[in-house]
Amino acid sequence: MKDVYTFVAKNDNTIVDCDSYLLASEEEACGMANNIIGSYLEINKAVNTIEIFKYDNNKFSFIGTYTEYKK
């Protein structure tokens, strides 16, 4: 069964954008977070963090934070 995962794109503590996807697992959600942050970096939009939430039974549960890797 698939669940709704919401991704909040942030630059430092400022929310830049958010979107939701129907995904099969938390692992798939982490992969999606990687794709999302990569897309923002390609268009040079200032995003350095993606927060992942799972919607379950009328509430959002925080799953984790995906942060841009800096060399």
Foldseek 3Di string as FASTA:
>chain_A
DWFKKKKFWDQPNHTDDMDIDTGDDVVVVVVVQVVVVVVCVVVPHRTFKIWMWTDDDNDIDTDGMDGDDDD
